[in-house]
Amino acid sequence: SPYRDYYMWKKPKYDAQGKRQPPNNWGACWGGSAWE
């Protein structure tokens, strides 16, 4: 979509057990990860 780049998208990271993780460790201002 031409609008895809209107927002900030990133691929997941994976931990040693192969579990999907957010792209970085930032917290959202009201709790939880800053990534959906």
PDB file of all heavy atoms in Angstrom:
ATOM      1  N   SER A   1       0.837  -1.204   0.000  1.00  0.00           N
ATOM      2  CA  SER A   1       0.000   0.000   0.000  1.00  0.00           C
ATOM      3  C   SER A   1       0.871   1.253   0.000  1.00  0.00           C
ATOM      4  O   SER A   1       1.895   1.313   0.697  1.00  0.00           O
ATOM      5  CB  SER A   1      -0.886   0.023   1.252  1.00  0.00           C
ATOM      6  OG  SER A   1      -1.429   1.308   1.444  1.00  0.00           O
ATOM      7  N   PRO A   2       0.481   2.280  -0.753  1.00  0.00           N
ATOM      8  CA  PRO A   2       1.241   3.535  -0.726  1.00  0.00           C
ATOM      9  C   PRO A   2       1.233   4.183   0.665  1.00  0.00           C
ATOM     10  O   PRO A   2       2.046   5.052   0.948  1.00  0.00           O
ATOM     11  CB  PRO A   2       0.522   4.422  -1.752  1.00  0.00           C
ATOM     12  CG  PRO A   2      -0.800   3.779  -2.004  1.00  0.00           C
ATOM     13  CD  PRO A   2      -0.633   2.323  -1.717  1.00  0.00           C
ATOM     14  N   TYR A   3       0.310   3.740   1.529  1.00  0.00           N
ATOM     15  CA  TYR A   3       0.235   4.299   2.887  1.00  0.00           C
ATOM     16  C   TYR A   3       1.050   3.489   3.904  1.00  0.00           C
ATOM     17  O   TYR A   3       1.136   3.875   5.070  1.00  0.00           O
ATOM     18  CB  TYR A   3      -1.224   4.387   3.350  1.00  0.00           C
ATOM     19  CG  TYR A   3      -2.015   5.429   2.605  1.00  0.00           C
ATOM     20  CD1 TYR A   3      -2.775   5.091   1.491  1.00  0.00           C
ATOM     21  CD2 TYR A   3      -1.985   6.766   3.002  1.00  0.00           C
ATOM     22  CE1 TYR A   3      -3.498   6.054   0.792  1.00  0.00           C
ATOM     23  CE2 TYR A   3      -2.701   7.738   2.315  1.00  0.00           C
ATOM     24  CZ  TYR A   3      -3.449   7.375   1.206  1.00  0.00           C
ATOM     25  OH  TYR A   3      -4.162   8.332   0.522  1.00  0.00           O
ATOM     26  N   ARG A   4       1.621   2.367   3.472  1.00  0.00           N
ATOM     27  CA  ARG A   4       2.364   1.518   4.416  1.00  0.00           C
ATOM     28  C   ARG A   4       3.443   2.321   5.138  1.00  0.00           C
ATOM     29  O   ARG A   4       3.623   2.228   6.352  1.00  0.00           O
ATOM     30  CB  ARG A   4       2.998   0.331   3.667  1.00  0.00           C
ATOM     31  CG  ARG A   4       3.697  -0.691   4.574  1.00  0.00           C
ATOM     32  CD  ARG A   4       2.697  -1.549   5.322  1.00  0.00           C
ATOM     33  NE  ARG A   4       3.338  -2.598   6.102  1.00  0.00           N
ATOM     34  CZ  ARG A   4       2.688  -3.484   6.822  1.00  0.00           C
ATOM     35  NH1 ARG A   4       1.374  -3.458   6.894  1.00  0.00           N
ATOM     36  NH2 ARG A   4       3.331  -4.412   7.503  1.00  0.00           N
ATOM     37  N   ASP A   5       4.141   3.140   4.370  1.00  0.00           N
ATOM     38  CA  ASP A   5       5.273   3.885   4.914  1.00  0.00           C
ATOM     39  C   ASP A   5       4.845   5.164   5.649  1.00  0.00           C
ATOM     40  O   ASP A   5       5.674   5.961   6.054  1.00  0.00           O
ATOM     41  CB  ASP A   5       6.240   4.231   3.767  1.00  0.00           C
ATOM     42  CG  ASP A   5       7.614   4.627   4.298  1.00  0.00           C
ATOM     43  OD1 ASP A   5       8.033   4.064   5.321  1.00  0.00           O
ATOM     44  OD2 ASP A   5       8.249   5.530   3.703  1.00  0.00           O
ATOM     45  N   TYR A   6       3.524   5.344   5.815  1.00  0.00           N
ATOM     46  CA  TYR A   6       3.048   6.459   6.649  1.00  0.00           C
ATOM     47  C   TYR A   6       3.261   6.139   8.133  1.00  0.00           C
ATOM     48  O   TYR A   6       3.182   7.023   8.979  1.00  0.00           O
ATOM     49  CB  TYR A   6       1.553   6.698   6.410  1.00  0.00           C
ATOM     50  CG  TYR A   6       1.226   7.647   5.276  1.00  0.00           C
ATOM     51  CD1 TYR A   6       1.904   7.596   4.056  1.00  0.00           C
ATOM     52  CD2 TYR A   6       0.213   8.593   5.415  1.00  0.00           C
ATOM     53  CE1 TYR A   6       1.583   8.449   3.011  1.00  0.00           C
ATOM     54  CE2 TYR A   6      -0.125   9.461   4.377  1.00  0.00           C
ATOM     55  CZ  TYR A   6       0.563   9.383   3.179  1.00  0.00           C
ATOM     56  OH  TYR A   6       0.229  10.238   2.147  1.00  0.00           O
ATOM     57  N   TYR A   7       3.493   4.866   8.429  1.00  0.00           N
ATOM     58  CA  TYR A   7       3.652   4.414   9.811  1.00  0.00           C
ATOM     59  C   TYR A   7       4.984   3.678   9.952  1.00  0.00           C
ATOM     60  O   TYR A   7       5.706   3.486   8.974  1.00  0.00           O
ATOM     61  CB  TYR A   7       2.457   3.540  10.218  1.00  0.00           C
ATOM     62  CG  TYR A   7       1.162   4.322  10.184  1.00  0.00           C
ATOM     63  CD1 TYR A   7       0.410   4.393   9.003  1.00  0.00           C
ATOM     64  CD2 TYR A   7       0.717   5.015  11.290  1.00  0.00           C
ATOM     65  CE1 TYR A   7      -0.757   5.145   8.948  1.00  0.00           C
ATOM     66  CE2 TYR A   7      -0.463   5.763  11.247  1.00  0.00           C
ATOM     67  CZ  TYR A   7      -1.183   5.832  10.071  1.00  0.00           C
ATOM     68  OH  TYR A   7      -2.329   6.575  10.018  1.00  0.00           O
ATOM     69  N   MET A   8       5.303   3.242  11.166  1.00  0.00           N
ATOM     70  CA  MET A   8       6.618   2.654  11.444  1.00  0.00           C
ATOM     71  C   MET A   8       6.466   1.151  11.693  1.00  0.00           C
ATOM     72  O   MET A   8       5.947   0.732  12.734  1.00  0.00           O
ATOM     73  CB  MET A   8       7.257   3.372  12.631  1.00  0.00           C
ATOM     74  CG  MET A   8       7.280   4.883  12.428  1.00  0.00           C
ATOM     75  SD  MET A   8       8.196   5.798  13.678  1.00  0.00           S
ATOM     76  CE  MET A   8       9.869   5.509  13.134  1.00  0.00           C
ATOM     77  N   TRP A   9       6.901   0.366  10.725  1.00  0.00           N
ATOM     78  CA  TRP A   9       6.765  -1.094  10.772  1.00  0.00           C
ATOM     79  C   TRP A   9       8.139  -1.739  10.897  1.00  0.00           C
ATOM     80  O   TRP A   9       9.107  -1.282  10.310  1.00  0.00           O
ATOM     81  CB  TRP A   9       6.095  -1.600   9.492  1.00  0.00           C
ATOM     82  CG  TRP A   9       4.725  -1.052   9.258  1.00  0.00           C
ATOM     83  CD1 TRP A   9       4.410   0.108   8.620  1.00  0.00           C
ATOM     84  CD2 TRP A   9       3.487  -1.649   9.646  1.00  0.00           C
ATOM     85  NE1 TRP A   9       3.053   0.281   8.596  1.00  0.00           N
ATOM     86  CE2 TRP A   9       2.444  -0.783   9.211  1.00  0.00           C
ATOM     87  CE3 TRP A   9       3.141  -2.830  10.314  1.00  0.00           C
ATOM     88  CZ2 TRP A   9       1.101  -1.060   9.425  1.00  0.00           C
ATOM     89  CZ3 TRP A   9       1.793  -3.105  10.531  1.00  0.00           C
ATOM     90  CH2 TRP A   9       0.792  -2.228  10.090  1.00  0.00           C
ATOM     91  N   LYS A  10       8.198  -2.845  11.637  1.00  0.00           N
ATOM     92  CA  LYS A  10       9.461  -3.591  11.749  1.00  0.00           C
ATOM     93  C   LYS A  10       9.171  -5.076  11.892  1.00  0.00           C
ATOM     94  O   LYS A  10       8.132  -5.483  12.431  1.00  0.00           O
ATOM     95  CB  LYS A  10      10.265  -3.110  12.963  1.00  0.00           C
ATOM     96  CG  LYS A  10      11.228  -1.950  12.654  1.00  0.00           C
ATOM     97  CD  LYS A  10      12.157  -1.701  13.836  1.00  0.00           C
ATOM     98  CE  LYS A  10      13.251  -0.709  13.492  1.00  0.00           C
ATOM     99  NZ  LYS A  10      14.257  -1.254  12.593  1.00  0.00           N
ATOM    100  N   LYS A  11      10.119  -5.878  11.440  1.00  0.00           N
ATOM    101  CA  LYS A  11      10.038  -7.340  11.580  1.00  0.00           C
ATOM    102  C   LYS A  11      10.227  -7.733  13.050  1.00  0.00           C
ATOM    103  O   LYS A  11      10.905  -7.036  13.805  1.00  0.00           O
ATOM    104  CB  LYS A  11      11.135  -8.001  10.735  1.00  0.00           C
ATOM    105  CG  LYS A  11      10.807  -8.039   9.245  1.00  0.00           C
ATOM    106  CD  LYS A  11       9.823  -9.149   8.980  1.00  0.00           C
ATOM    107  CE  LYS A  11       9.539  -9.329   7.500  1.00  0.00           C
ATOM    108  NZ  LYS A  11       8.308 -10.149   7.351  1.00  0.00           N
ATOM    109  N   PRO A  12       9.677  -8.881  13.444  1.00  0.00           N
ATOM    110  CA  PRO A  12       9.885  -9.350  14.823  1.00  0.00           C
ATOM    111  C   PRO A  12      11.344  -9.720  15.070  1.00  0.00           C
ATOM    112  O   PRO A  12      12.110  -9.956  14.134  1.00  0.00           O
ATOM    113  CB  PRO A  12       9.015 -10.603  14.923  1.00  0.00           C
ATOM    114  CG  PRO A  12       8.180 -10.642  13.686  1.00  0.00           C
ATOM    115  CD  PRO A  12       8.862  -9.810  12.660  1.00  0.00           C
ATOM    116  N   LYS A  13      11.690  -9.759  16.372  1.00  0.00           N
ATOM    117  CA  LYS A  13      12.946 -10.394  16.795  1.00  0.00           C
ATOM    118  C   LYS A  13      12.548 -11.763  17.367  1.00  0.00           C
ATOM    119  O   LYS A  13      11.382 -11.976  17.711  1.00  0.00           O
ATOM    120  CB  LYS A  13      13.601  -9.570  17.909  1.00  0.00           C
ATOM    121  CG  LYS A  13      14.395  -8.367  17.428  1.00  0.00           C
ATOM    122  CD  LYS A  13      15.065  -7.716  18.635  1.00  0.00           C
ATOM    123  CE  LYS A  13      15.914  -6.533  18.212  1.00  0.00           C
ATOM    124  NZ  LYS A  13      16.449  -5.813  19.391  1.00  0.00           N
ATOM    125  N   TYR A  14      13.533 -12.638  17.502  1.00  0.00           N
ATOM    126  CA  TYR A  14      13.259 -13.950  18.110  1.00  0.00           C
ATOM    127  C   TYR A  14      14.292 -14.216  19.191  1.00  0.00           C
ATOM    128  O   TYR A  14      15.480 -13.932  19.003  1.00  0.00           O
ATOM    129  CB  TYR A  14      13.279 -15.052  17.051  1.00  0.00           C
ATOM    130  CG  TYR A  14      12.100 -14.945  16.111  1.00  0.00           C
ATOM    131  CD1 TYR A  14      12.177 -14.174  14.948  1.00  0.00           C
ATOM    132  CD2 TYR A  14      10.893 -15.576  16.405  1.00  0.00           C
ATOM    133  CE1 TYR A  14      11.087 -14.032  14.102  1.00  0.00           C
ATOM    134  CE2 TYR A  14       9.796 -15.449  15.566  1.00  0.00           C
ATOM    135  CZ  TYR A  14       9.894 -14.677  14.414  1.00  0.00           C
ATOM    136  OH  TYR A  14       8.809 -14.536  13.589  1.00  0.00           O
ATOM    137  N   ASP A  15      13.843 -14.744  20.324  1.00  0.00           N
ATOM    138  CA  ASP A  15      14.790 -15.035  21.406  1.00  0.00           C
ATOM    139  C   ASP A  15      15.440 -16.407  21.188  1.00  0.00           C
ATOM    140  O   ASP A  15      15.187 -17.087  20.178  1.00  0.00           O
ATOM    141  CB  ASP A  15      14.090 -14.953  22.773  1.00  0.00           C
ATOM    142  CG  ASP A  15      12.972 -15.969  22.951  1.00  0.00           C
ATOM    143  OD1 ASP A  15      12.941 -16.962  22.196  1.00  0.00           O
ATOM    144  OD2 ASP A  15      12.129 -15.769  23.865  1.00  0.00           O
ATOM    145  N   ALA A  16      16.257 -16.818  22.146  1.00  0.00           N
ATOM    146  CA  ALA A  16      17.030 -18.062  22.010  1.00  0.00           C
ATOM    147  C   ALA A  16      16.132 -19.292  21.863  1.00  0.00           C
ATOM    148  O   ALA A  16      16.515 -20.299  21.265  1.00  0.00           O
ATOM    149  CB  ALA A  16      17.953 -18.229  23.223  1.00  0.00           C
ATOM    150  N   GLN A  17      14.912 -19.179  22.414  1.00  0.00           N
ATOM    151  CA  GLN A  17      13.972 -20.302  22.311  1.00  0.00           C
ATOM    152  C   GLN A  17      13.119 -20.218  21.038  1.00  0.00           C
ATOM    153  O   GLN A  17      12.218 -21.029  20.824  1.00  0.00           O
ATOM    154  CB  GLN A  17      13.028 -20.326  23.524  1.00  0.00           C
ATOM    155  CG  GLN A  17      13.691 -20.797  24.817  1.00  0.00           C
ATOM    156  CD  GLN A  17      14.626 -19.763  25.405  1.00  0.00           C
ATOM    157  OE1 GLN A  17      14.294 -18.579  25.437  1.00  0.00           O
ATOM    158  NE2 GLN A  17      15.804 -20.186  25.832  1.00  0.00           N
ATOM    159  N   GLY A  18      13.412 -19.238  20.199  1.00  0.00           N
ATOM    160  CA  GLY A  18      12.660 -19.074  18.950  1.00  0.00           C
ATOM    161  C   GLY A  18      11.311 -18.414  19.139  1.00  0.00           C
ATOM    162  O   GLY A  18      10.462 -18.421  18.247  1.00  0.00           O
ATOM    163  N   LYS A  19      11.117 -17.785  20.329  1.00  0.00           N
ATOM    164  CA  LYS A  19       9.829 -17.119  20.598  1.00  0.00           C
ATOM    165  C   LYS A  19       9.856 -15.703  20.019  1.00  0.00           C
ATOM    166  O   LYS A  19      10.846 -14.987  20.184  1.00  0.00           O
ATOM    167  CB  LYS A  19       9.587 -17.082  22.107  1.00  0.00           C
ATOM    168  CG  LYS A  19       8.193 -16.622  22.487  1.00  0.00           C
ATOM    169  CD  LYS A  19       8.029 -16.584  24.008  1.00  0.00           C
ATOM    170  CE  LYS A  19       6.723 -15.895  24.365  1.00  0.00           C
ATOM    171  NZ  LYS A  19       6.641 -15.553  25.787  1.00  0.00           N
ATOM    172  N   ARG A  20       8.769 -15.342  19.347  1.00  0.00           N
ATOM    173  CA  ARG A  20       8.686 -14.020  18.711  1.00  0.00           C
ATOM    174  C   ARG A  20       8.694 -12.909  19.763  1.00  0.00           C
ATOM    175  O   ARG A  20       8.033 -12.997  20.792  1.00  0.00           O
ATOM    176  CB  ARG A  20       7.402 -13.921  17.883  1.00  0.00           C
ATOM    177  CG  ARG A  20       7.314 -12.678  16.998  1.00  0.00           C
ATOM    178  CD  ARG A  20       5.974 -12.524  16.317  1.00  0.00           C
ATOM    179  NE  ARG A  20       4.946 -12.129  17.268  1.00  0.00           N
ATOM    180  CZ  ARG A  20       3.858 -12.820  17.553  1.00  0.00           C
ATOM    181  NH1 ARG A  20       3.638 -13.977  16.952  1.00  0.00           N
ATOM    182  NH2 ARG A  20       2.984 -12.390  18.437  1.00  0.00           N
ATOM    183  N   GLN A  21       9.471 -11.844  19.485  1.00  0.00           N
ATOM    184  CA  GLN A  21       9.571 -10.703  20.394  1.00  0.00           C
ATOM    185  C   GLN A  21       9.380  -9.394  19.613  1.00  0.00           C
ATOM    186  O   GLN A  21       9.634  -9.349  18.406  1.00  0.00           O
ATOM    187  CB  GLN A  21      10.960 -10.679  21.065  1.00  0.00           C
ATOM    188  CG  GLN A  21      11.298 -11.898  21.886  1.00  0.00           C
ATOM    189  CD  GLN A  21      10.484 -11.993  23.150  1.00  0.00           C
ATOM    190  OE1 GLN A  21       9.924 -11.009  23.615  1.00  0.00           O
ATOM    191  NE2 GLN A  21      10.374 -13.202  23.709  1.00  0.00           N
ATOM    192  N   PRO A  22       8.973  -8.323  20.287  1.00  0.00           N
ATOM    193  CA  PRO A  22       8.881  -7.021  19.617  1.00  0.00           C
ATOM    194  C   PRO A  22      10.254  -6.577  19.092  1.00  0.00           C
ATOM    195  O   PRO A  22      11.291  -7.044  19.578  1.00  0.00           O
ATOM    196  CB  PRO A  22       8.390  -6.079  20.711  1.00  0.00           C
ATOM    197  CG  PRO A  22       7.785  -6.954  21.756  1.00  0.00           C
ATOM    198  CD  PRO A  22       8.547  -8.249  21.690  1.00  0.00           C
ATOM    199  N   PRO A  23      10.272  -5.662  18.126  1.00  0.00           N
ATOM    200  CA  PRO A  23      11.538  -5.217  17.517  1.00  0.00           C
ATOM    201  C   PRO A  23      12.520  -4.572  18.492  1.00  0.00           C
ATOM    202  O   PRO A  23      13.723  -4.608  18.273  1.00  0.00           O
ATOM    203  CB  PRO A  23      11.084  -4.203  16.458  1.00  0.00           C
ATOM    204  CG  PRO A  23       9.672  -4.594  16.144  1.00  0.00           C
ATOM    205  CD  PRO A  23       9.098  -5.130  17.426  1.00  0.00           C
ATOM    206  N   ASN A  24      12.026  -3.923  19.552  1.00  0.00           N
ATOM    207  CA  ASN A  24      12.921  -3.436  20.608  1.00  0.00           C
ATOM    208  C   ASN A  24      12.192  -3.507  21.950  1.00  0.00           C
ATOM    209  O   ASN A  24      11.044  -3.967  22.027  1.00  0.00           O
ATOM    210  CB  ASN A  24      13.467  -2.026  20.291  1.00  0.00           C
ATOM    211  CG  ASN A  24      12.400  -0.930  20.363  1.00  0.00           C
ATOM    212  OD1 ASN A  24      11.397  -1.067  21.053  1.00  0.00           O
ATOM    213  ND2 ASN A  24      12.624   0.161  19.648  1.00  0.00           N
ATOM    214  N   ASN A  25      12.875  -3.063  23.007  1.00  0.00           N
ATOM    215  CA  ASN A  25      12.333  -3.243  24.364  1.00  0.00           C
ATOM    216  C   ASN A  25      11.608  -2.012  24.897  1.00  0.00           C
ATOM    217  O   ASN A  25      11.406  -1.878  26.098  1.00  0.00           O
ATOM    218  CB  ASN A  25      13.461  -3.639  25.329  1.00  0.00           C
ATOM    219  CG  ASN A  25      14.468  -2.503  25.535  1.00  0.00           C
ATOM    220  OD1 ASN A  25      14.449  -1.492  24.816  1.00  0.00           O
ATOM    221  ND2 ASN A  25      15.364  -2.674  26.502  1.00  0.00           N
ATOM    222  N   TRP A  26      11.207  -1.090  24.017  1.00  0.00           N
ATOM    223  CA  TRP A  26      10.536   0.112  24.494  1.00  0.00           C
ATOM    224  C   TRP A  26       9.167  -0.221  25.093  1.00  0.00           C
ATOM    225  O   TRP A  26       8.412  -1.035  24.550  1.00  0.00           O
ATOM    226  CB  TRP A  26      10.297   1.096  23.361  1.00  0.00           C
ATOM    227  CG  TRP A  26      11.540   1.647  22.729  1.00  0.00           C
ATOM    228  CD1 TRP A  26      12.846   1.383  23.055  1.00  0.00           C
ATOM    229  CD2 TRP A  26      11.583   2.564  21.627  1.00  0.00           C
ATOM    230  NE1 TRP A  26      13.695   2.077  22.235  1.00  0.00           N
ATOM    231  CE2 TRP A  26      12.947   2.813  21.348  1.00  0.00           C
ATOM    232  CE3 TRP A  26      10.604   3.192  20.852  1.00  0.00           C
ATOM    233  CZ2 TRP A  26      13.346   3.664  20.317  1.00  0.00           C
ATOM    234  CZ3 TRP A  26      11.005   4.045  19.834  1.00  0.00           C
ATOM    235  CH2 TRP A  26      12.364   4.287  19.573  1.00  0.00           C
ATOM    236  N   GLY A  27       8.872   0.456  26.200  1.00  0.00           N
ATOM    237  CA  GLY A  27       7.544   0.353  26.775  1.00  0.00           C
ATOM    238  C   GLY A  27       6.652   1.467  26.251  1.00  0.00           C
ATOM    239  O   GLY A  27       7.128   2.574  25.987  1.00  0.00           O
ATOM    240  N   ALA A  28       5.373   1.182  26.083  1.00  0.00           N
ATOM    241  CA  ALA A  28       4.412   2.234  25.735  1.00  0.00           C
ATOM    242  C   ALA A  28       4.161   3.088  26.975  1.00  0.00           C
ATOM    243  O   ALA A  28       4.361   2.643  28.111  1.00  0.00           O
ATOM    244  CB  ALA A  28       3.113   1.620  25.237  1.00  0.00           C
ATOM    245  N   CYS A  29       3.733   4.319  26.767  1.00  0.00           N
ATOM    246  CA  CYS A  29       3.560   5.258  27.882  1.00  0.00           C
ATOM    247  C   CYS A  29       2.564   4.760  28.914  1.00  0.00           C
ATOM    248  O   CYS A  29       2.645   5.124  30.074  1.00  0.00           O
ATOM    249  CB  CYS A  29       3.134   6.622  27.354  1.00  0.00           C
ATOM    250  SG  CYS A  29       4.451   7.420  26.398  1.00  0.00           S
ATOM    251  N   TRP A  30       1.603   3.922  28.506  1.00  0.00           N
ATOM    252  CA  TRP A  30       0.578   3.460  29.442  1.00  0.00           C
ATOM    253  C   TRP A  30       0.664   1.958  29.677  1.00  0.00           C
ATOM    254  O   TRP A  30      -0.331   1.283  29.891  1.00  0.00           O
ATOM    255  CB  TRP A  30      -0.808   3.852  28.928  1.00  0.00           C
ATOM    256  CG  TRP A  30      -0.933   5.325  28.784  1.00  0.00           C
ATOM    257  CD1 TRP A  30      -0.349   6.282  29.568  1.00  0.00           C
ATOM    258  CD2 TRP A  30      -1.656   6.033  27.783  1.00  0.00           C
ATOM    259  NE1 TRP A  30      -0.671   7.521  29.126  1.00  0.00           N
ATOM    260  CE2 TRP A  30      -1.476   7.411  28.029  1.00  0.00           C
ATOM    261  CE3 TRP A  30      -2.448   5.642  26.706  1.00  0.00           C
ATOM    262  CZ2 TRP A  30      -2.050   8.396  27.245  1.00  0.00           C
ATOM    263  CZ3 TRP A  30      -3.030   6.621  25.923  1.00  0.00           C
ATOM    264  CH2 TRP A  30      -2.835   7.979  26.193  1.00  0.00           C
ATOM    265  N   GLY A  31       1.890   1.436  29.626  1.00  0.00           N
ATOM    266  CA  GLY A  31       2.091   0.034  29.963  1.00  0.00           C
ATOM    267  C   GLY A  31       2.204  -0.873  28.751  1.00  0.00           C
ATOM    268  O   GLY A  31       1.692  -0.567  27.673  1.00  0.00           O
ATOM    269  N   GLY A  32       2.922  -1.997  28.937  1.00  0.00           N
ATOM    270  CA  GLY A  32       3.099  -2.962  27.856  1.00  0.00           C
ATOM    271  C   GLY A  32       4.129  -2.497  26.837  1.00  0.00           C
ATOM    272  O   GLY A  32       4.814  -1.483  27.015  1.00  0.00           O
ATOM    273  N   SER A  33       4.255  -3.270  25.774  1.00  0.00           N
ATOM    274  CA  SER A  33       5.215  -2.951  24.715  1.00  0.00           C
ATOM    275  C   SER A  33       4.725  -1.783  23.868  1.00  0.00           C
ATOM    276  O   SER A  33       3.519  -1.552  23.732  1.00  0.00           O
ATOM    277  CB  SER A  33       5.406  -4.177  23.815  1.00  0.00           C
ATOM    278  OG  SER A  33       6.150  -3.834  22.660  1.00  0.00           O
ATOM    279  N   ALA A  34       5.681  -1.043  23.294  1.00  0.00           N
ATOM    280  CA  ALA A  34       5.344   0.040  22.362  1.00  0.00           C
ATOM    281  C   ALA A  34       5.099  -0.507  20.954  1.00  0.00           C
ATOM    282  O   ALA A  34       4.945   0.269  20.006  1.00  0.00           O
ATOM    283  CB  ALA A  34       6.460   1.077  22.347  1.00  0.00           C
ATOM    284  N   TRP A  35       5.086  -1.829  20.811  1.00  0.00           N
ATOM    285  CA  TRP A  35       4.894  -2.454  19.496  1.00  0.00           C
ATOM    286  C   TRP A  35       3.683  -3.368  19.510  1.00  0.00           C
ATOM    287  O   TRP A  35       3.455  -4.101  20.472  1.00  0.00           O
ATOM    288  CB  TRP A  35       6.140  -3.272  19.123  1.00  0.00           C
ATOM    289  CG  TRP A  35       7.359  -2.423  18.946  1.00  0.00           C
ATOM    290  CD1 TRP A  35       8.286  -2.103  19.906  1.00  0.00           C
ATOM    291  CD2 TRP A  35       7.792  -1.795  17.740  1.00  0.00           C
ATOM    292  NE1 TRP A  35       9.264  -1.311  19.369  1.00  0.00           N
ATOM    293  CE2 TRP A  35       8.995  -1.101  18.034  1.00  0.00           C
ATOM    294  CE3 TRP A  35       7.286  -1.744  16.433  1.00  0.00           C
ATOM    295  CZ2 TRP A  35       9.692  -0.370  17.078  1.00  0.00           C
ATOM    296  CZ3 TRP A  35       7.973  -1.021  15.468  1.00  0.00           C
ATOM    297  CH2 TRP A  35       9.166  -0.340  15.799  1.00  0.00           C
ATOM    298  N   GLU A  36       2.928  -3.339  18.426  1.00  0.00           N
ATOM    299  CA  GLU A  36       1.759  -4.217  18.278  1.00  0.00           C
ATOM    300  C   GLU A  36       1.979  -5.112  17.056  1.00  0.00           C
ATOM    301  O   GLU A  36       2.327  -4.627  15.968  1.00  0.00           O
ATOM    302  CB  GLU A  36       0.493  -3.372  18.099  1.00  0.00           C
ATOM    303  CG  GLU A  36      -0.782  -4.173  18.059  1.00  0.00           C
ATOM    304  CD  GLU A  36      -1.252  -4.639  19.436  1.00  0.00           C
ATOM    305  OE1 GLU A  36      -0.570  -4.354  20.463  1.00  0.00           O
ATOM    306  OE2 GLU A  36      -2.298  -5.306  19.491  1.00  0.00           O
TER     307      GLU A  36
END
